[in-house]
Amino acid sequence: MFPAQLMKLEALSWIVLLLPLLAAVGITLFALRDPKLSAKLSIAAVVGSFVVSLALFFLMQQPLQAAKMIGPAPFDWLDVGDLKIEL
C-alpha cells in the first residue's frame, strides 16, 4: 500500500475509536435532559463506527500494491521430515 492509503486507513481507524467517545461527550454535555436525542446520538455513533469498521475491513482485503519485503528473508524455523515451517 502506498503511504497515502496507509494514512487513510489510519484516519479511519481513529474515527472508529473516537466516534463513540465523541457521542458520549456530546450526550453528557448537551443531550442529557433529552432521552430521545441521547438515544439517537448513541445509536448513530455505534452504527457509524460499525460502518467505518466494515469499510476498513474491506479496504484491508485488497491485495497489497507494490509490496516489497522489508527486513531479512524468511528462514527455516522448524524442519522435520516433510514438515517445514518458515519464520
N, C-alpha and C. Protein backbone atom coordinates (compact mmCIF):
# COMPACT_ATOMS: atom_id res chain seq x y z
N MET A 1 0.84 -1.18 0.00
CA MET A 1 0.00 0.00 0.00
C MET A 1 0.88 1.24 0.00
N PHE A 2 0.40 2.24 -0.63
CA PHE A 2 1.13 3.49 -0.69
C PHE A 2 0.94 4.27 0.60
N PRO A 3 1.84 5.18 0.92
CA PRO A 3 1.72 5.95 2.17
C PRO A 3 0.40 6.71 2.29
N ALA A 4 -0.12 7.22 1.18
CA ALA A 4 -1.39 7.94 1.25
C ALA A 4 -2.52 7.00 1.65
N GLN A 5 -2.49 5.77 1.15
CA GLN A 5 -3.52 4.80 1.51
C GLN A 5 -3.39 4.41 2.98
N LEU A 6 -2.17 4.29 3.47
CA LEU A 6 -1.97 3.96 4.87
C LEU A 6 -2.48 5.07 5.78
N MET A 7 -2.28 6.31 5.38
CA MET A 7 -2.77 7.43 6.17
C MET A 7 -4.30 7.42 6.21
N LYS A 8 -4.92 7.06 5.10
CA LYS A 8 -6.37 6.98 5.04
C LYS A 8 -6.88 5.90 5.98
N LEU A 9 -6.21 4.76 5.98
CA LEU A 9 -6.61 3.67 6.87
C LEU A 9 -6.42 4.05 8.33
N GLU A 10 -5.34 4.78 8.61
CA GLU A 10 -5.09 5.20 9.98
C GLU A 10 -6.16 6.19 10.45
N ALA A 11 -6.53 7.10 9.57
CA ALA A 11 -7.58 8.07 9.92
C ALA A 11 -8.91 7.37 10.17
N LEU A 12 -9.22 6.39 9.34
CA LEU A 12 -10.47 5.64 9.55
C LEU A 12 -10.43 4.86 10.86
N SER A 13 -9.28 4.35 11.21
CA SER A 13 -9.15 3.64 12.49
C SER A 13 -9.43 4.57 13.66
N TRP A 14 -8.92 5.79 13.58
CA TRP A 14 -9.18 6.76 14.65
C TRP A 14 -10.65 7.14 14.71
N ILE A 15 -11.29 7.23 13.56
CA ILE A 15 -12.72 7.54 13.55
C ILE A 15 -13.52 6.46 14.25
N VAL A 16 -13.16 5.20 14.02
CA VAL A 16 -13.85 4.09 14.68
C VAL A 16 -13.74 4.23 16.19
N LEU A 17 -12.59 4.61 16.68
CA LEU A 17 -12.39 4.73 18.12
C LEU A 17 -13.03 5.99 18.71
N LEU A 18 -12.94 7.10 18.00
CA LEU A 18 -13.35 8.37 18.58
C LEU A 18 -14.83 8.69 18.41
N LEU A 19 -15.50 8.08 17.44
CA LEU A 19 -16.90 8.39 17.21
C LEU A 19 -17.78 8.09 18.43
N PRO A 20 -17.69 6.92 19.04
CA PRO A 20 -18.49 6.69 20.26
C PRO A 20 -18.08 7.58 21.43
N LEU A 21 -16.79 7.87 21.53
CA LEU A 21 -16.33 8.75 22.60
C LEU A 21 -16.89 10.16 22.43
N LEU A 22 -16.86 10.67 21.22
CA LEU A 22 -17.42 11.99 20.96
C LEU A 22 -18.93 12.02 21.20
N ALA A 23 -19.60 10.94 20.87
CA ALA A 23 -21.05 10.87 21.14
C ALA A 23 -21.31 10.88 22.64
N ALA A 24 -20.51 10.17 23.41
CA ALA A 24 -20.68 10.16 24.86
C ALA A 24 -20.44 11.54 25.46
N VAL A 25 -19.43 12.23 24.96
CA VAL A 25 -19.16 13.58 25.45
C VAL A 25 -20.30 14.52 25.06
N GLY A 26 -20.78 14.39 23.83
CA GLY A 26 -21.89 15.23 23.38
C GLY A 26 -23.16 14.98 24.17
N ILE A 27 -23.43 13.73 24.46
CA ILE A 27 -24.61 13.39 25.25
C ILE A 27 -24.47 13.96 26.66
N THR A 28 -23.30 13.82 27.25
CA THR A 28 -23.09 14.30 28.61
C THR A 28 -23.21 15.83 28.68
N LEU A 29 -22.69 16.53 27.70
CA LEU A 29 -22.69 17.98 27.75
C LEU A 29 -23.99 18.63 27.25
N PHE A 30 -24.62 18.03 26.24
CA PHE A 30 -25.72 18.73 25.59
C PHE A 30 -27.07 18.01 25.61
N ALA A 31 -27.09 16.70 25.65
CA ALA A 31 -28.34 15.98 25.45
C ALA A 31 -28.75 15.15 26.65
N LEU A 32 -28.23 15.47 27.81
CA LEU A 32 -28.51 14.65 28.99
C LEU A 32 -29.98 14.73 29.40
N ARG A 33 -30.63 15.84 29.16
CA ARG A 33 -32.02 16.02 29.57
C ARG A 33 -33.03 15.48 28.56
N ASP A 34 -32.58 15.16 27.38
CA ASP A 34 -33.48 14.65 26.34
C ASP A 34 -33.12 13.20 26.02
N PRO A 35 -33.87 12.24 26.59
CA PRO A 35 -33.52 10.83 26.38
C PRO A 35 -33.60 10.38 24.92
N LYS A 36 -34.55 10.92 24.16
CA LYS A 36 -34.68 10.51 22.76
C LYS A 36 -33.47 10.97 21.94
N LEU A 37 -33.04 12.19 22.18
CA LEU A 37 -31.85 12.69 21.48
C LEU A 37 -30.60 11.92 21.90
N SER A 38 -30.51 11.61 23.17
CA SER A 38 -29.36 10.82 23.65
C SER A 38 -29.33 9.46 22.98
N ALA A 39 -30.49 8.82 22.89
CA ALA A 39 -30.55 7.51 22.24
C ALA A 39 -30.17 7.60 20.78
N LYS A 40 -30.68 8.62 20.10
CA LYS A 40 -30.36 8.77 18.68
C LYS A 40 -28.87 9.01 18.46
N LEU A 41 -28.28 9.85 19.30
CA LEU A 41 -26.84 10.11 19.17
C LEU A 41 -26.01 8.86 19.43
N SER A 42 -26.35 8.12 20.47
CA SER A 42 -25.55 6.93 20.78
C SER A 42 -25.71 5.86 19.71
N ILE A 43 -26.93 5.66 19.22
CA ILE A 43 -27.14 4.66 18.17
C ILE A 43 -26.44 5.08 16.89
N ALA A 44 -26.51 6.37 16.55
CA ALA A 44 -25.84 6.85 15.34
C ALA A 44 -24.32 6.67 15.45
N ALA A 45 -23.77 6.89 16.64
CA ALA A 45 -22.33 6.72 16.82
C ALA A 45 -21.92 5.26 16.66
N VAL A 46 -22.70 4.36 17.23
CA VAL A 46 -22.37 2.94 17.13
C VAL A 46 -22.52 2.45 15.70
N VAL A 47 -23.60 2.85 15.03
CA VAL A 47 -23.80 2.44 13.64
C VAL A 47 -22.71 3.03 12.74
N GLY A 48 -22.39 4.30 12.96
CA GLY A 48 -21.33 4.93 12.18
C GLY A 48 -19.99 4.25 12.37
N SER A 49 -19.69 3.90 13.62
CA SER A 49 -18.44 3.20 13.91
C SER A 49 -18.42 1.83 13.24
N PHE A 50 -19.55 1.15 13.23
CA PHE A 50 -19.64 -0.16 12.59
C PHE A 50 -19.44 -0.04 11.08
N VAL A 51 -20.06 0.96 10.48
CA VAL A 51 -19.92 1.15 9.03
C VAL A 51 -18.47 1.45 8.66
N VAL A 52 -17.83 2.30 9.44
CA VAL A 52 -16.42 2.62 9.17
C VAL A 52 -15.55 1.37 9.38
N SER A 53 -15.90 0.56 10.38
CA SER A 53 -15.15 -0.69 10.60
C SER A 53 -15.30 -1.63 9.41
N LEU A 54 -16.50 -1.72 8.86
CA LEU A 54 -16.70 -2.55 7.67
C LEU A 54 -15.89 -2.01 6.49
N ALA A 55 -15.88 -0.71 6.34
CA ALA A 55 -15.09 -0.11 5.26
C ALA A 55 -13.61 -0.44 5.44
N LEU A 56 -13.12 -0.35 6.66
CA LEU A 56 -11.73 -0.71 6.94
C LEU A 56 -11.47 -2.17 6.62
N PHE A 57 -12.39 -3.02 7.00
CA PHE A 57 -12.22 -4.45 6.75
C PHE A 57 -12.09 -4.72 5.26
N PHE A 58 -12.97 -4.13 4.46
CA PHE A 58 -12.92 -4.39 3.03
C PHE A 58 -11.73 -3.70 2.36
N LEU A 59 -11.32 -2.56 2.87
CA LEU A 59 -10.12 -1.93 2.32
C LEU A 59 -8.87 -2.75 2.62
N MET A 60 -8.84 -3.40 3.78
CA MET A 60 -7.69 -4.21 4.14
C MET A 60 -7.65 -5.53 3.37
N GLN A 61 -8.76 -5.92 2.75
CA GLN A 61 -8.79 -7.16 1.99
C GLN A 61 -8.18 -7.00 0.61
N GLN A 62 -8.01 -5.78 0.15
CA GLN A 62 -7.42 -5.56 -1.16
C GLN A 62 -5.97 -6.00 -1.14
N PRO A 63 -5.52 -6.56 -2.22
CA PRO A 63 -4.11 -7.00 -2.24
C PRO A 63 -3.17 -5.82 -2.10
N LEU A 64 -2.07 -6.10 -1.49
CA LEU A 64 -1.05 -5.06 -1.33
C LEU A 64 -0.47 -4.71 -2.69
N GLN A 65 -0.43 -3.43 -2.96
CA GLN A 65 0.10 -2.98 -4.23
C GLN A 65 1.55 -2.55 -4.03
N ALA A 66 2.38 -3.01 -4.92
CA ALA A 66 3.80 -2.66 -4.89
C ALA A 66 4.43 -3.00 -3.54
N ALA A 67 4.04 -4.15 -3.02
CA ALA A 67 4.57 -4.56 -1.72
C ALA A 67 5.97 -5.11 -1.91
N LYS A 68 6.86 -4.67 -1.06
CA LYS A 68 8.22 -5.17 -1.07
C LYS A 68 8.50 -5.69 0.33
N MET A 69 9.25 -6.75 0.37
CA MET A 69 9.60 -7.31 1.66
C MET A 69 10.67 -6.45 2.32
N ILE A 70 10.37 -6.01 3.51
CA ILE A 70 11.33 -5.20 4.25
C ILE A 70 11.84 -6.05 5.40
N GLY A 71 13.12 -6.19 5.49
CA GLY A 71 13.69 -6.99 6.56
C GLY A 71 14.37 -8.23 6.01
N PRO A 72 14.79 -9.08 6.92
CA PRO A 72 15.51 -10.27 6.48
C PRO A 72 14.59 -11.26 5.78
N ALA A 73 15.21 -12.08 4.95
CA ALA A 73 14.46 -13.12 4.26
C ALA A 73 14.02 -14.18 5.27
N PRO A 74 12.92 -14.87 5.00
CA PRO A 74 12.47 -15.90 5.94
C PRO A 74 13.48 -17.03 6.05
N PHE A 75 13.52 -17.63 7.21
CA PHE A 75 14.42 -18.75 7.40
C PHE A 75 13.62 -19.92 7.98
N ASP A 76 14.21 -21.11 7.89
CA ASP A 76 13.53 -22.31 8.39
C ASP A 76 13.57 -22.31 9.91
N TRP A 77 12.40 -22.25 10.51
CA TRP A 77 12.30 -22.28 11.96
C TRP A 77 12.28 -23.72 12.45
N LEU A 78 11.54 -24.55 11.71
CA LEU A 78 11.44 -25.96 12.07
C LEU A 78 11.45 -26.76 10.79
N ASP A 79 12.34 -27.73 10.70
CA ASP A 79 12.44 -28.57 9.51
C ASP A 79 12.60 -30.01 9.96
N VAL A 80 11.48 -30.74 9.96
CA VAL A 80 11.48 -32.14 10.39
C VAL A 80 10.77 -32.96 9.33
N GLY A 81 11.50 -33.80 8.64
CA GLY A 81 10.90 -34.64 7.60
C GLY A 81 10.22 -33.79 6.54
N ASP A 82 8.92 -34.04 6.34
CA ASP A 82 8.16 -33.28 5.35
C ASP A 82 7.61 -31.97 5.92
N LEU A 83 7.74 -31.79 7.22
CA LEU A 83 7.23 -30.58 7.87
C LEU A 83 8.30 -29.49 7.81
N LYS A 84 7.95 -28.39 7.18
CA LYS A 84 8.88 -27.28 7.07
C LYS A 84 8.14 -26.00 7.44
N ILE A 85 8.57 -25.33 8.50
CA ILE A 85 7.93 -24.10 8.95
C ILE A 85 8.95 -22.98 8.83
N GLU A 86 8.57 -21.98 8.04
CA GLU A 86 9.45 -20.83 7.86
C GLU A 86 9.01 -19.71 8.77
N LEU A 87 9.93 -18.90 9.17
CA LEU A 87 9.63 -17.76 10.01
C LEU A 87 10.10 -16.50 9.37
